[in-house]
PDB file of N, CA and C in Angstrom:
ATOM      1  N   UNK A   1      83.773  83.128  64.467  1.00  0.00           N
ATOM      2  CA  UNK A   1      83.521  83.502  63.078  1.00  0.00           C
ATOM      3  C   UNK A   1      83.523  82.245  62.219  1.00  0.00           C
ATOM      4  N   UNK A   2      82.428  82.080  61.458  1.00  0.00           N
ATOM      5  CA  UNK A   2      82.313  80.905  60.598  1.00  0.00           C
ATOM      6  C   UNK A   2      83.089  81.116  59.301  1.00  0.00           C
ATOM      7  N   UNK A   3      83.823  80.089  58.883  1.00  0.00           N
ATOM      8  CA  UNK A   3      84.563  80.166  57.645  1.00  0.00           C
ATOM      9  C   UNK A   3      83.675  79.591  56.550  1.00  0.00           C
ATOM     10  N   UNK A   4      83.532  80.353  55.468  1.00  0.00           N
ATOM     11  CA  UNK A   4      82.675  79.942  54.374  1.00  0.00           C
ATOM     12  C   UNK A   4      83.494  79.983  53.086  1.00  0.00           C
ATOM     13  N   UNK A   5      83.428  78.910  52.302  1.00  0.00           N
ATOM     14  CA  UNK A   5      84.064  78.855  50.999  1.00  0.00           C
ATOM     15  C   UNK A   5      82.983  78.878  49.930  1.00  0.00           C
ATOM     16  N   UNK A   6      83.255  79.549  48.850  1.00  0.00           N
ATOM     17  CA  UNK A   6      82.329  79.633  47.735  1.00  0.00           C
ATOM     18  C   UNK A   6      82.893  78.905  46.517  1.00  0.00           C
ATOM     19  N   UNK A   7      81.998  78.515  45.627  1.00  0.00           N
ATOM     20  CA  UNK A   7      82.448  77.890  44.379  1.00  0.00           C
ATOM     21  C   UNK A   7      83.427  78.815  43.708  1.00  0.00           C
ATOM     22  N   UNK A   8      84.558  78.232  43.277  1.00  0.00           N
ATOM     23  CA  UNK A   8      85.591  79.011  42.564  1.00  0.00           C
ATOM     24  C   UNK A   8      86.695  79.543  43.455  1.00  0.00           C
ATOM     25  N   UNK A   9      86.491  79.502  44.786  1.00  0.00           N
ATOM     26  CA  UNK A   9      87.573  79.920  45.705  1.00  0.00           C
ATOM     27  C   UNK A   9      88.784  79.019  45.522  1.00  0.00           C
ATOM     28  N   UNK A  10      89.957  79.635  45.589  1.00  0.00           N
ATOM     29  CA  UNK A  10      91.217  78.869  45.527  1.00  0.00           C
ATOM     30  C   UNK A  10      91.671  78.717  46.966  1.00  0.00           C
ATOM     31  N   UNK A  11      91.968  77.460  47.350  1.00  0.00           N
ATOM     32  CA  UNK A  11      92.422  77.155  48.694  1.00  0.00           C
ATOM     33  C   UNK A  11      93.735  76.403  48.640  1.00  0.00           C
ATOM     34  N   UNK A  12      94.463  76.514  49.760  1.00  0.00           N
ATOM     35  CA  UNK A  12      95.718  75.753  49.847  1.00  0.00           C
ATOM     36  C   UNK A  12      95.632  74.821  51.051  1.00  0.00           C
ATOM     37  N   UNK A  13      96.144  73.628  50.869  1.00  0.00           N
ATOM     38  CA  UNK A  13      96.310  72.661  51.962  1.00  0.00           C
ATOM     39  C   UNK A  13      97.526  73.120  52.788  1.00  0.00           C
ATOM     40  N   UNK A  14      97.489  72.889  54.090  1.00  0.00           N
ATOM     41  CA  UNK A  14      98.546  73.363  54.947  1.00  0.00           C
ATOM     42  C   UNK A  14      99.913  72.836  54.576  1.00  0.00           C
ATOM     43  N   UNK A  15      99.987  71.673  53.898  1.00  0.00           N
ATOM     44  CA  UNK A  15     101.304  71.134  53.529  1.00  0.00           C
ATOM     45  C   UNK A  15     102.011  71.976  52.472  1.00  0.00           C
ATOM     46  N   UNK A  16     101.282  72.874  51.838  1.00  0.00           N
ATOM     47  CA  UNK A  16     101.870  73.734  50.807  1.00  0.00           C
ATOM     48  C   UNK A  16     103.004  74.609  51.416  1.00  0.00           C
ATOM     49  N   UNK A  17     102.862  74.968  52.666  1.00  0.00           N
ATOM     50  CA  UNK A  17     103.888  75.811  53.289  1.00  0.00           C
ATOM     51  C   UNK A  17     105.145  75.041  53.585  1.00  0.00           C
ATOM     52  N   UNK A  18     105.168  73.749  53.355  1.00  0.00           N
ATOM     53  CA  UNK A  18     106.351  72.920  53.669  1.00  0.00           C
ATOM     54  C   UNK A  18     107.085  72.454  52.417  1.00  0.00           C
ATOM     55  N   UNK A  19     106.733  72.997  51.251  1.00  0.00           N
ATOM     56  CA  UNK A  19     107.374  72.546  50.006  1.00  0.00           C
ATOM     57  C   UNK A  19     108.266  73.644  49.433  1.00  0.00           C
ATOM     58  N   UNK A  20     109.090  73.230  48.470  1.00  0.00           N
ATOM     59  CA  UNK A  20     110.043  74.171  47.877  1.00  0.00           C
ATOM     60  C   UNK A  20     109.350  75.167  46.957  1.00  0.00           C
ATOM     61  N   UNK A  21     110.061  76.223  46.608  1.00  0.00           N
ATOM     62  CA  UNK A  21     109.555  77.226  45.661  1.00  0.00           C
ATOM     63  C   UNK A  21     109.256  76.583  44.314  1.00  0.00           C
ATOM     64  N   UNK A  22     110.128  75.691  43.893  1.00  0.00           N
ATOM     65  CA  UNK A  22     109.930  74.985  42.625  1.00  0.00           C
ATOM     66  C   UNK A  22     108.615  74.227  42.609  1.00  0.00           C
ATOM     67  N   UNK A  23     108.329  73.549  43.734  1.00  0.00           N
ATOM     68  CA  UNK A  23     107.053  72.797  43.817  1.00  0.00           C
ATOM     69  C   UNK A  23     105.863  73.763  43.882  1.00  0.00           C
ATOM     70  N   UNK A  24     106.049  74.896  44.553  1.00  0.00           N
ATOM     71  CA  UNK A  24     104.994  75.894  44.627  1.00  0.00           C
ATOM     72  C   UNK A  24     104.617  76.441  43.256  1.00  0.00           C
ATOM     73  N   UNK A  25     105.637  76.596  42.414  1.00  0.00           N
ATOM     74  CA  UNK A  25     105.409  77.074  41.047  1.00  0.00           C
ATOM     75  C   UNK A  25     104.576  76.082  40.227  1.00  0.00           C
ATOM     76  N   UNK A  26     104.516  74.848  40.648  1.00  0.00           N
ATOM     77  CA  UNK A  26     103.699  73.823  39.960  1.00  0.00           C
ATOM     78  C   UNK A  26     102.294  73.766  40.564  1.00  0.00           C
ATOM     79  N   UNK A  27     101.996  74.689  41.473  1.00  0.00           N
ATOM     80  CA  UNK A  27     100.695  74.784  42.121  1.00  0.00           C
ATOM     81  C   UNK A  27     100.367  73.588  43.024  1.00  0.00           C
ATOM     82  N   UNK A  28     101.381  72.885  43.527  1.00  0.00           N
ATOM     83  CA  UNK A  28     101.112  71.769  44.399  1.00  0.00           C
ATOM     84  C   UNK A  28     100.374  72.230  45.635  1.00  0.00           C
ATOM     85  N   UNK A  29      99.427  71.400  46.048  1.00  0.00           N
ATOM     86  CA  UNK A  29      98.578  71.658  47.223  1.00  0.00           C
ATOM     87  C   UNK A  29      97.645  72.859  47.050  1.00  0.00           C
ATOM     88  N   UNK A  30      97.380  73.233  45.808  1.00  0.00           N
ATOM     89  CA  UNK A  30      96.373  74.269  45.538  1.00  0.00           C
ATOM     90  C   UNK A  30      95.142  73.616  44.929  1.00  0.00           C
ATOM     91  N   UNK A  31      93.954  74.081  45.316  1.00  0.00           N
ATOM     92  CA  UNK A  31      92.708  73.473  44.876  1.00  0.00           C
ATOM     93  C   UNK A  31      91.661  74.559  44.620  1.00  0.00           C
ATOM     94  N   UNK A  32      90.739  74.232  43.718  1.00  0.00           N
ATOM     95  CA  UNK A  32      89.584  75.087  43.470  1.00  0.00           C
ATOM     96  C   UNK A  32      88.354  74.449  44.069  1.00  0.00           C
ATOM     97  N   UNK A  33      87.621  75.202  44.874  1.00  0.00           N
ATOM     98  CA  UNK A  33      86.390  74.692  45.465  1.00  0.00           C
ATOM     99  C   UNK A  33      85.326  74.540  44.399  1.00  0.00           C
ATOM    100  N   UNK A  34      84.756  73.341  44.292  1.00  0.00           N
ATOM    101  CA  UNK A  34      83.659  73.073  43.349  1.00  0.00           C
ATOM    102  C   UNK A  34      82.321  73.307  44.017  1.00  0.00           C
ATOM    103  N   UNK A  35      82.205  72.883  45.275  1.00  0.00           N
ATOM    104  CA  UNK A  35      80.981  73.056  46.002  1.00  0.00           C
ATOM    105  C   UNK A  35      80.803  72.006  47.101  1.00  0.00           C
ATOM    106  N   UNK A  36      79.656  72.065  47.724  1.00  0.00           N
ATOM    107  CA  UNK A  36      79.326  71.093  48.779  1.00  0.00           C
ATOM    108  C   UNK A  36      78.299  70.120  48.246  1.00  0.00           C
ATOM    109  N   UNK A  37      78.547  68.836  48.498  1.00  0.00           N
ATOM    110  CA  UNK A  37      77.606  67.787  48.094  1.00  0.00           C
ATOM    111  C   UNK A  37      77.132  67.032  49.310  1.00  0.00           C
ATOM    112  N   UNK A  38      76.055  66.277  49.170  1.00  0.00           N
ATOM    113  CA  UNK A  38      75.576  65.427  50.260  1.00  0.00           C
ATOM    114  C   UNK A  38      75.839  63.979  49.912  1.00  0.00           C
ATOM    115  N   UNK A  39      76.372  63.251  50.871  1.00  0.00           N
ATOM    116  CA  UNK A  39      76.536  61.784  50.709  1.00  0.00           C
ATOM    117  C   UNK A  39      75.140  61.195  50.519  1.00  0.00           C
ATOM    118  N   UNK A  40      74.965  60.366  49.517  1.00  0.00           N
ATOM    119  CA  UNK A  40      73.655  59.847  49.170  1.00  0.00           C
ATOM    120  C   UNK A  40      73.045  58.953  50.225  1.00  0.00           C
ATOM    121  N   UNK A  41      73.857  58.299  51.038  1.00  0.00           N
ATOM    122  CA  UNK A  41      73.346  57.393  52.042  1.00  0.00           C
ATOM    123  C   UNK A  41      73.254  58.056  53.416  1.00  0.00           C
ATOM    124  N   UNK A  42      74.316  58.719  53.809  1.00  0.00           N
ATOM    125  CA  UNK A  42      74.366  59.270  55.203  1.00  0.00           C
ATOM    126  C   UNK A  42      73.889  60.696  55.306  1.00  0.00           C
ATOM    127  N   UNK A  43      73.803  61.409  54.182  1.00  0.00           N
ATOM    128  CA  UNK A  43      73.446  62.818  54.112  1.00  0.00           C
ATOM    129  C   UNK A  43      74.529  63.724  54.701  1.00  0.00           C
ATOM    130  N   UNK A  44      75.721  63.130  54.907  1.00  0.00           N
ATOM    131  CA  UNK A  44      76.851  63.937  55.432  1.00  0.00           C
ATOM    132  C   UNK A  44      77.269  64.930  54.354  1.00  0.00           C
ATOM    133  N   UNK A  45      77.572  66.155  54.768  1.00  0.00           N
ATOM    134  CA  UNK A  45      78.074  67.173  53.835  1.00  0.00           C
ATOM    135  C   UNK A  45      79.509  66.853  53.480  1.00  0.00           C
ATOM    136  N   UNK A  46      79.796  66.953  52.171  1.00  0.00           N
ATOM    137  CA  UNK A  46      81.126  66.688  51.640  1.00  0.00           C
ATOM    138  C   UNK A  46      81.566  67.887  50.813  1.00  0.00           C
ATOM    139  N   UNK A  47      82.860  68.252  50.956  1.00  0.00           N
ATOM    140  CA  UNK A  47      83.422  69.305  50.120  1.00  0.00           C
ATOM    141  C   UNK A  47      83.987  68.683  48.839  1.00  0.00           C
ATOM    142  N   UNK A  48      83.628  69.239  47.713  1.00  0.00           N
ATOM    143  CA  UNK A  48      84.113  68.778  46.422  1.00  0.00           C
ATOM    144  C   UNK A  48      85.113  69.842  45.946  1.00  0.00           C
ATOM    145  N   UNK A  49      86.302  69.391  45.541  1.00  0.00           N
ATOM    146  CA  UNK A  49      87.359  70.338  45.146  1.00  0.00           C
ATOM    147  C   UNK A  49      88.259  69.702  44.090  1.00  0.00           C
ATOM    148  N   UNK A  50      88.858  70.565  43.241  1.00  0.00           N
ATOM    149  CA  UNK A  50      89.680  70.084  42.118  1.00  0.00           C
ATOM    150  C   UNK A  50      91.101  70.580  42.325  1.00  0.00           C
ATOM    151  N   UNK A  51      92.059  69.649  42.102  1.00  0.00           N
ATOM    152  CA  UNK A  51      93.474  69.996  42.193  1.00  0.00           C
ATOM    153  C   UNK A  51      93.833  70.950  41.045  1.00  0.00           C
ATOM    154  N   UNK A  52      94.737  71.866  41.307  1.00  0.00           N
ATOM    155  CA  UNK A  52      95.228  72.788  40.288  1.00  0.00           C
ATOM    156  C   UNK A  52      96.598  72.388  39.819  1.00  0.00           C
ATOM    157  N   UNK A  53      96.921  71.121  39.952  1.00  0.00           N
ATOM    158  CA  UNK A  53      98.218  70.567  39.522  1.00  0.00           C
ATOM    159  C   UNK A  53      98.007  69.158  39.031  1.00  0.00           C
ATOM    160  N   UNK A  54      99.049  68.610  38.406  1.00  0.00           N
ATOM    161  CA  UNK A  54      98.978  67.222  37.939  1.00  0.00           C
ATOM    162  C   UNK A  54      97.824  66.990  36.964  1.00  0.00           C
ATOM    163  N   UNK A  55      97.053  65.918  37.223  1.00  0.00           N
ATOM    164  CA  UNK A  55      95.949  65.595  36.339  1.00  0.00           C
ATOM    165  C   UNK A  55      94.675  66.380  36.670  1.00  0.00           C
ATOM    166  N   UNK A  56      94.783  67.326  37.606  1.00  0.00           N
ATOM    167  CA  UNK A  56      93.670  68.185  38.027  1.00  0.00           C
ATOM    168  C   UNK A  56      92.466  67.349  38.491  1.00  0.00           C
ATOM    169  N   UNK A  57      92.802  66.335  39.270  1.00  0.00           N
ATOM    170  CA  UNK A  57      91.782  65.403  39.783  1.00  0.00           C
ATOM    171  C   UNK A  57      90.706  66.090  40.618  1.00  0.00           C
ATOM    172  N   UNK A  58      89.533  65.450  40.658  1.00  0.00           N
ATOM    173  CA  UNK A  58      88.415  65.926  41.439  1.00  0.00           C
ATOM    174  C   UNK A  58      88.381  65.096  42.732  1.00  0.00           C
ATOM    175  N   UNK A  59      88.260  65.784  43.873  1.00  0.00           N
ATOM    176  CA  UNK A  59      88.308  65.124  45.169  1.00  0.00           C
ATOM    177  C   UNK A  59      87.090  65.479  45.996  1.00  0.00           C
ATOM    178  N   UNK A  60      86.795  64.625  46.959  1.00  0.00           N
ATOM    179  CA  UNK A  60      85.751  64.861  47.937  1.00  0.00           C
ATOM    180  C   UNK A  60      86.259  64.465  49.298  1.00  0.00           C
ATOM    181  N   UNK A  61      85.860  65.262  50.293  1.00  0.00           N
ATOM    182  CA  UNK A  61      86.304  65.029  51.664  1.00  0.00           C
ATOM    183  C   UNK A  61      85.174  65.490  52.563  1.00  0.00           C
ATOM    184  N   UNK A  62      84.944  64.792  53.685  1.00  0.00           N
ATOM    185  CA  UNK A  62      83.889  65.259  54.610  1.00  0.00           C
ATOM    186  C   UNK A  62      84.105  66.738  54.963  1.00  0.00           C
ATOM    187  N   UNK A  63      83.049  67.523  54.921  1.00  0.00           N
ATOM    188  CA  UNK A  63      83.140  68.962  55.175  1.00  0.00           C
ATOM    189  C   UNK A  63      83.812  69.251  56.532  1.00  0.00           C
ATOM    190  N   UNK A  64      83.455  68.468  57.550  1.00  0.00           N
ATOM    191  CA  UNK A  64      84.056  68.717  58.885  1.00  0.00           C
ATOM    192  C   UNK A  64      85.546  68.548  58.816  1.00  0.00           C
ATOM    193  N   UNK A  65      86.037  67.553  58.079  1.00  0.00           N
ATOM    194  CA  UNK A  65      87.497  67.354  57.977  1.00  0.00           C
ATOM    195  C   UNK A  65      88.124  68.472  57.154  1.00  0.00           C
ATOM    196  N   UNK A  66      87.465  68.854  56.059  1.00  0.00           N
ATOM    197  CA  UNK A  66      87.983  69.918  55.219  1.00  0.00           C
ATOM    198  C   UNK A  66      88.158  71.210  56.013  1.00  0.00           C
ATOM    199  N   UNK A  67      87.228  71.482  56.922  1.00  0.00           N
ATOM    200  CA  UNK A  67      87.211  72.758  57.676  1.00  0.00           C
ATOM    201  C   UNK A  67      88.033  72.643  58.975  1.00  0.00           C
ATOM    202  N   UNK A  68      88.584  71.492  59.288  1.00  0.00           N
ATOM    203  CA  UNK A  68      89.218  71.293  60.603  1.00  0.00           C
ATOM    204  C   UNK A  68      90.565  72.003  60.724  1.00  0.00           C
ATOM    205  N   UNK A  69      90.999  72.175  61.948  1.00  0.00           N
ATOM    206  CA  UNK A  69      92.280  72.796  62.234  1.00  0.00           C
ATOM    207  C   UNK A  69      93.426  71.771  61.996  1.00  0.00           C
ATOM    208  N   UNK A  70      94.590  72.257  61.723  1.00  0.00           N
ATOM    209  CA  UNK A  70      95.782  71.419  61.574  1.00  0.00           C
ATOM    210  C   UNK A  70      96.088  70.801  62.927  1.00  0.00           C
ATOM    211  N   UNK A  71      96.435  69.527  62.939  1.00  0.00           N
ATOM    212  CA  UNK A  71      96.863  68.853  64.168  1.00  0.00           C
ATOM    213  C   UNK A  71      98.266  69.349  64.512  1.00  0.00           C
ATOM    214  N   UNK A  72      98.356  70.255  65.459  1.00  0.00           N
ATOM    215  CA  UNK A  72      99.640  70.879  65.822  1.00  0.00           C
ATOM    216  C   UNK A  72     100.598  69.905  66.500  1.00  0.00           C
ATOM    217  N   UNK A  73     100.067  68.834  67.070  1.00  0.00           N
ATOM    218  CA  UNK A  73     100.955  67.838  67.709  1.00  0.00           C
ATOM    219  C   UNK A  73     101.640  67.019  66.606  1.00  0.00           C
ATOM    220  N   UNK A  74     100.881  66.699  65.559  1.00  0.00           N
ATOM    221  CA  UNK A  74     101.461  65.917  64.455  1.00  0.00           C
ATOM    222  C   UNK A  74     102.314  66.779  63.523  1.00  0.00           C
ATOM    223  N   UNK A  75     101.911  68.042  63.372  1.00  0.00           N
ATOM    224  CA  UNK A  75     102.616  68.983  62.452  1.00  0.00           C
ATOM    225  C   UNK A  75     102.974  70.228  63.230  1.00  0.00           C
ATOM    226  N   UNK A  76     103.927  70.151  64.172  1.00  0.00           N
ATOM    227  CA  UNK A  76     104.227  71.310  65.038  1.00  0.00           C
ATOM    228  C   UNK A  76     104.837  72.499  64.287  1.00  0.00           C
ATOM    229  N   UNK A  77     105.380  72.293  63.092  1.00  0.00           N
ATOM    230  CA  UNK A  77     105.988  73.386  62.353  1.00  0.00           C
ATOM    231  C   UNK A  77     104.986  74.101  61.440  1.00  0.00           C
ATOM    232  N   UNK A  78     103.762  73.651  61.404  1.00  0.00           N
ATOM    233  CA  UNK A  78     102.764  74.289  60.556  1.00  0.00           C
ATOM    234  C   UNK A  78     102.371  75.647  61.151  1.00  0.00           C
ATOM    235  N   UNK A  79     102.356  76.649  60.300  1.00  0.00           N
ATOM    236  CA  UNK A  79     101.886  77.973  60.770  1.00  0.00           C
ATOM    237  C   UNK A  79     100.459  78.236  60.319  1.00  0.00           C
ATOM    238  N   UNK A  80      99.957  77.401  59.417  1.00  0.00           N
ATOM    239  CA  UNK A  80      98.573  77.566  58.937  1.00  0.00           C
ATOM    240  C   UNK A  80      97.655  76.967  59.996  1.00  0.00           C
ATOM    241  N   UNK A  81      96.611  77.676  60.358  1.00  0.00           N
ATOM    242  CA  UNK A  81      95.723  77.232  61.418  1.00  0.00           C
ATOM    243  C   UNK A  81      94.797  76.116  60.967  1.00  0.00           C
ATOM    244  N   UNK A  82      94.279  76.248  59.751  1.00  0.00           N
ATOM    245  CA  UNK A  82      93.286  75.274  59.263  1.00  0.00           C
ATOM    246  C   UNK A  82      93.875  74.394  58.164  1.00  0.00           C
ATOM    247  N   UNK A  83      93.331  73.211  58.027  1.00  0.00           N
ATOM    248  CA  UNK A  83      93.760  72.260  57.014  1.00  0.00           C
ATOM    249  C   UNK A  83      93.732  72.888  55.605  1.00  0.00           C
ATOM    250  N   UNK A  84      92.646  73.590  55.306  1.00  0.00           N
ATOM    251  CA  UNK A  84      92.529  74.321  54.029  1.00  0.00           C
ATOM    252  C   UNK A  84      92.206  75.766  54.351  1.00  0.00           C
ATOM    253  N   UNK A  85      92.895  76.681  53.666  1.00  0.00           N
ATOM    254  CA  UNK A  85      92.628  78.097  53.813  1.00  0.00           C
ATOM    255  C   UNK A  85      92.582  78.755  52.450  1.00  0.00           C
ATOM    256  N   UNK A  86      91.747  79.781  52.334  1.00  0.00           N
ATOM    257  CA  UNK A  86      91.598  80.512  51.057  1.00  0.00           C
ATOM    258  C   UNK A  86      92.922  81.217  50.758  1.00  0.00           C
ATOM    259  N   UNK A  87      93.320  81.207  49.495  1.00  0.00           N
ATOM    260  CA  UNK A  87      94.477  81.934  49.031  1.00  0.00           C
ATOM    261  C   UNK A  87      94.020  83.348  48.751  1.00  0.00           C
ATOM    262  N   UNK A  88      94.668  84.309  49.405  1.00  0.00           N
ATOM    263  CA  UNK A  88      94.212  85.688  49.303  1.00  0.00           C
ATOM    264  C   UNK A  88      95.092  86.562  48.421  1.00  0.00           C
ATOM    265  N   UNK A  89      96.233  86.030  48.000  1.00  0.00           N
ATOM    266  CA  UNK A  89      97.100  86.831  47.143  1.00  0.00           C
ATOM    267  C   UNK A  89      97.544  85.966  45.954  1.00  0.00           C
ATOM    268  N   UNK A  90      97.798  86.634  44.864  1.00  0.00           N
ATOM    269  CA  UNK A  90      98.152  85.911  43.632  1.00  0.00           C
ATOM    270  C   UNK A  90      99.604  85.402  43.645  1.00  0.00           C
ATOM    271  N   UNK A  91     100.370  85.793  44.654  1.00  0.00           N
ATOM    272  CA  UNK A  91     101.773  85.304  44.721  1.00  0.00           C
ATOM    273  C   UNK A  91     101.818  83.773  44.941  1.00  0.00           C
ATOM    274  N   UNK A  92     100.756  83.202  45.507  1.00  0.00           N
ATOM    275  CA  UNK A  92     100.730  81.795  45.803  1.00  0.00           C
ATOM    276  C   UNK A  92     100.249  80.948  44.647  1.00  0.00           C
ATOM    277  N   UNK A  93      99.859  81.591  43.511  1.00  0.00           N
ATOM    278  CA  UNK A  93      99.283  80.842  42.402  1.00  0.00           C
ATOM    279  C   UNK A  93     100.087  81.124  41.147  1.00  0.00           C
ATOM    280  N   UNK A  94     100.434  80.040  40.444  1.00  0.00           N
ATOM    281  CA  UNK A  94     101.111  80.166  39.171  1.00  0.00           C
ATOM    282  C   UNK A  94     100.149  80.744  38.142  1.00  0.00           C
ATOM    283  N   UNK A  95     100.593  81.717  37.374  1.00  0.00           N
ATOM    284  CA  UNK A  95      99.732  82.407  36.425  1.00  0.00           C
ATOM    285  C   UNK A  95      99.224  81.526  35.315  1.00  0.00           C
ATOM    286  N   UNK A  96      99.735  80.324  35.167  1.00  0.00           N
ATOM    287  CA  UNK A  96      99.321  79.487  34.034  1.00  0.00           C
ATOM    288  C   UNK A  96      98.053  78.685  34.309  1.00  0.00           C
ATOM    289  N   UNK A  97      97.314  79.055  35.304  1.00  0.00           N
ATOM    290  CA  UNK A  97      96.080  78.295  35.641  1.00  0.00           C
ATOM    291  C   UNK A  97      95.099  78.299  34.514  1.00  0.00           C
TER     292      UNK A  97
END
């Protein structure tokens, strides 16, 4: 099954499951998908996403890396399968967005 993210989807980085409740309330490791862009030189697909915490910075990462599975050898305690996953319940998001 192919995983597809749409503009406006809220996703969490797998490290979110490793932080305190206080940090979760600050929306750490939560992002909004902006869309997919193409690298101007290589034509590689890049995911563009915005942090929902701090200065709400705009980030870009190769799409293959964004969609990749968590390295279970490096992070054996991670229960999240993929590096980024869609947030499906509002419990994971601070209402002040």
